[in-house]
Amino acid sequence: MKLLSSRDFNRDVSLAKRTAQSEPVLITDRGQPTHVLMSIADYRRLTGEGESILELLAMPEAVAIEVADAAADGAWAHREPLD
């Protein structure tokens, strides 16, 4: 676990965030631990919390779906064409 003073955290938040991707960052104030910064994946693993419905609906990776021609599909073959 990486230790970081509040002053150093305020100077370089990006460094703290990058470090938190690989290990928790313990933030101290006057030498006393006050906060822990960790990745959301680590937090979810620790709390047992899963993805929210909004994250699931966002579908980060697109899925290709092939759509067959409705006229060639047997489901609509029995209908007469519209004039």
C-alpha atoms as a PDB file:
ATOM      1  CA  MET A   1       0.000   0.000   0.000  1.00  0.00           C
ATOM      2  CA  LYS A   2       1.366   3.376  -1.035  1.00  0.00           C
ATOM      3  CA  LEU A   3       1.419   6.225   1.517  1.00  0.00           C
ATOM      4  CA  LEU A   4       0.743   9.759   0.338  1.00  0.00           C
ATOM      5  CA  SER A   5       0.423  12.918   2.406  1.00  0.00           C
ATOM      6  CA  SER A   6      -2.592  15.181   1.854  1.00  0.00           C
ATOM      7  CA  ARG A   7      -0.234  17.848   0.540  1.00  0.00           C
ATOM      8  CA  ASP A   8       1.311  15.474  -2.037  1.00  0.00           C
ATOM      9  CA  PHE A   9      -2.143  14.193  -2.989  1.00  0.00           C
ATOM     10  CA  ASN A  10      -3.341  17.750  -3.668  1.00  0.00           C
ATOM     11  CA  ARG A  11      -0.228  18.500  -5.733  1.00  0.00           C
ATOM     12  CA  ASP A  12      -0.590  15.458  -7.995  1.00  0.00           C
ATOM     13  CA  VAL A  13      -4.037  13.837  -7.977  1.00  0.00           C
ATOM     14  CA  SER A  14      -3.260  12.130 -11.302  1.00  0.00           C
ATOM     15  CA  LEU A  15      -0.315  10.284  -9.743  1.00  0.00           C
ATOM     16  CA  ALA A  16      -2.541   9.074  -6.912  1.00  0.00           C
ATOM     17  CA  LYS A  17      -5.188   7.871  -9.368  1.00  0.00           C
ATOM     18  CA  ARG A  18      -2.630   6.048 -11.515  1.00  0.00           C
ATOM     19  CA  THR A  19      -1.125   4.390  -8.441  1.00  0.00           C
ATOM     20  CA  ALA A  20      -4.584   3.369  -7.167  1.00  0.00           C
ATOM     21  CA  GLN A  21      -5.104   1.332 -10.339  1.00  0.00           C
ATOM     22  CA  SER A  22      -2.458  -1.133  -9.125  1.00  0.00           C
ATOM     23  CA  GLU A  23      -2.623  -0.755  -5.322  1.00  0.00           C
ATOM     24  CA  PRO A  24      -4.596   1.176  -2.694  1.00  0.00           C
ATOM     25  CA  VAL A  25      -3.230   4.596  -1.757  1.00  0.00           C
ATOM     26  CA  LEU A  26      -3.366   5.569   1.927  1.00  0.00           C
ATOM     27  CA  ILE A  27      -3.682   9.340   2.300  1.00  0.00           C
ATOM     28  CA  THR A  28      -2.398  10.839   5.524  1.00  0.00           C
ATOM     29  CA  ASP A  29      -3.022  14.143   7.259  1.00  0.00           C
ATOM     30  CA  ARG A  30      -0.352  15.182   9.759  1.00  0.00           C
ATOM     31  CA  GLY A  31       0.973  11.633   9.719  1.00  0.00           C
ATOM     32  CA  GLN A  32      -2.364   9.998  10.528  1.00  0.00           C
ATOM     33  CA  PRO A  33      -4.235   7.893   7.931  1.00  0.00           C
ATOM     34  CA  THR A  34      -7.455   9.637   6.878  1.00  0.00           C
ATOM     35  CA  HIS A  35      -8.514   8.216   3.495  1.00  0.00           C
ATOM     36  CA  VAL A  36      -7.906   5.327   1.142  1.00  0.00           C
ATOM     37  CA  LEU A  37      -8.036   5.722  -2.630  1.00  0.00           C
ATOM     38  CA  MET A  38      -8.598   2.550  -4.655  1.00  0.00           C
ATOM     39  CA  SER A  39      -9.845   1.538  -8.071  1.00  0.00           C
ATOM     40  CA  ILE A  40     -13.572   0.981  -8.511  1.00  0.00           C
ATOM     41  CA  ALA A  41     -12.863  -2.667  -9.339  1.00  0.00           C
ATOM     42  CA  ASP A  42     -11.092  -3.142  -5.991  1.00  0.00           C
ATOM     43  CA  TYR A  43     -13.919  -1.329  -4.183  1.00  0.00           C
ATOM     44  CA  ARG A  44     -16.575  -3.523  -5.793  1.00  0.00           C
ATOM     45  CA  ARG A  45     -14.603  -6.658  -4.996  1.00  0.00           C
ATOM     46  CA  LEU A  46     -14.233  -5.510  -1.375  1.00  0.00           C
ATOM     47  CA  THR A  47     -17.917  -4.617  -0.923  1.00  0.00           C
ATOM     48  CA  GLY A  48     -19.369  -7.370  -3.080  1.00  0.00           C
ATOM     49  CA  GLU A  49     -21.186  -4.727  -5.125  1.00  0.00           C
ATOM     50  CA  GLY A  50     -21.865  -5.604  -8.764  1.00  0.00           C
ATOM     51  CA  GLU A  51     -22.325  -3.400 -11.777  1.00  0.00           C
ATOM     52  CA  SER A  52     -25.285  -1.036 -11.704  1.00  0.00           C
ATOM     53  CA  ILE A  53     -28.123  -1.365 -14.206  1.00  0.00           C
ATOM     54  CA  LEU A  54     -26.923   1.844 -15.900  1.00  0.00           C
ATOM     55  CA  GLU A  55     -23.480   0.354 -16.495  1.00  0.00           C
ATOM     56  CA  LEU A  56     -25.002  -2.851 -17.842  1.00  0.00           C
ATOM     57  CA  LEU A  57     -27.282  -0.905 -20.195  1.00  0.00           C
ATOM     58  CA  ALA A  58     -24.379   1.212 -21.469  1.00  0.00           C
ATOM     59  CA  MET A  59     -23.043  -1.910 -23.246  1.00  0.00           C
ATOM     60  CA  PRO A  60     -19.391  -0.863 -23.566  1.00  0.00           C
ATOM     61  CA  GLU A  61     -18.737  -3.471 -26.254  1.00  0.00           C
ATOM     62  CA  ALA A  62     -21.107  -3.476 -29.201  1.00  0.00           C
ATOM     63  CA  VAL A  63     -22.616  -6.749 -30.291  1.00  0.00           C
ATOM     64  CA  ALA A  64     -23.310  -7.366 -33.977  1.00  0.00           C
ATOM     65  CA  ILE A  65     -26.713  -8.882 -34.685  1.00  0.00           C
ATOM     66  CA  GLU A  66     -27.617 -10.264 -38.081  1.00  0.00           C
ATOM     67  CA  VAL A  67     -31.172  -9.537 -39.150  1.00  0.00           C
ATOM     68  CA  ALA A  68     -32.659 -11.852 -41.750  1.00  0.00           C
ATOM     69  CA  ASP A  69     -34.896 -10.518 -44.519  1.00  0.00           C
ATOM     70  CA  ALA A  70     -38.470 -10.627 -43.142  1.00  0.00           C
ATOM     71  CA  ALA A  71     -39.933 -11.802 -46.475  1.00  0.00           C
ATOM     72  CA  ALA A  72     -37.502 -14.724 -46.655  1.00  0.00           C
ATOM     73  CA  ASP A  73     -38.176 -15.630 -43.036  1.00  0.00           C
ATOM     74  CA  GLY A  74     -40.816 -18.289 -42.531  1.00  0.00           C
ATOM     75  CA  ALA A  75     -42.539 -16.152 -39.888  1.00  0.00           C
ATOM     76  CA  TRP A  76     -43.961 -13.758 -42.517  1.00  0.00           C
ATOM     77  CA  ALA A  77     -44.015 -16.032 -45.576  1.00  0.00           C
ATOM     78  CA  HIS A  78     -47.742 -16.784 -45.218  1.00  0.00           C
ATOM     79  CA  ARG A  79     -48.760 -13.099 -45.584  1.00  0.00           C
ATOM     80  CA  GLU A  80     -49.782 -11.677 -48.915  1.00  0.00           C
ATOM     81  CA  PRO A  81     -47.685  -8.758 -50.149  1.00  0.00           C
ATOM     82  CA  LEU A  82     -49.190  -5.285 -49.883  1.00  0.00           C
ATOM     83  CA  ASP A  83     -49.999  -3.524 -53.164  1.00  0.00           C
END
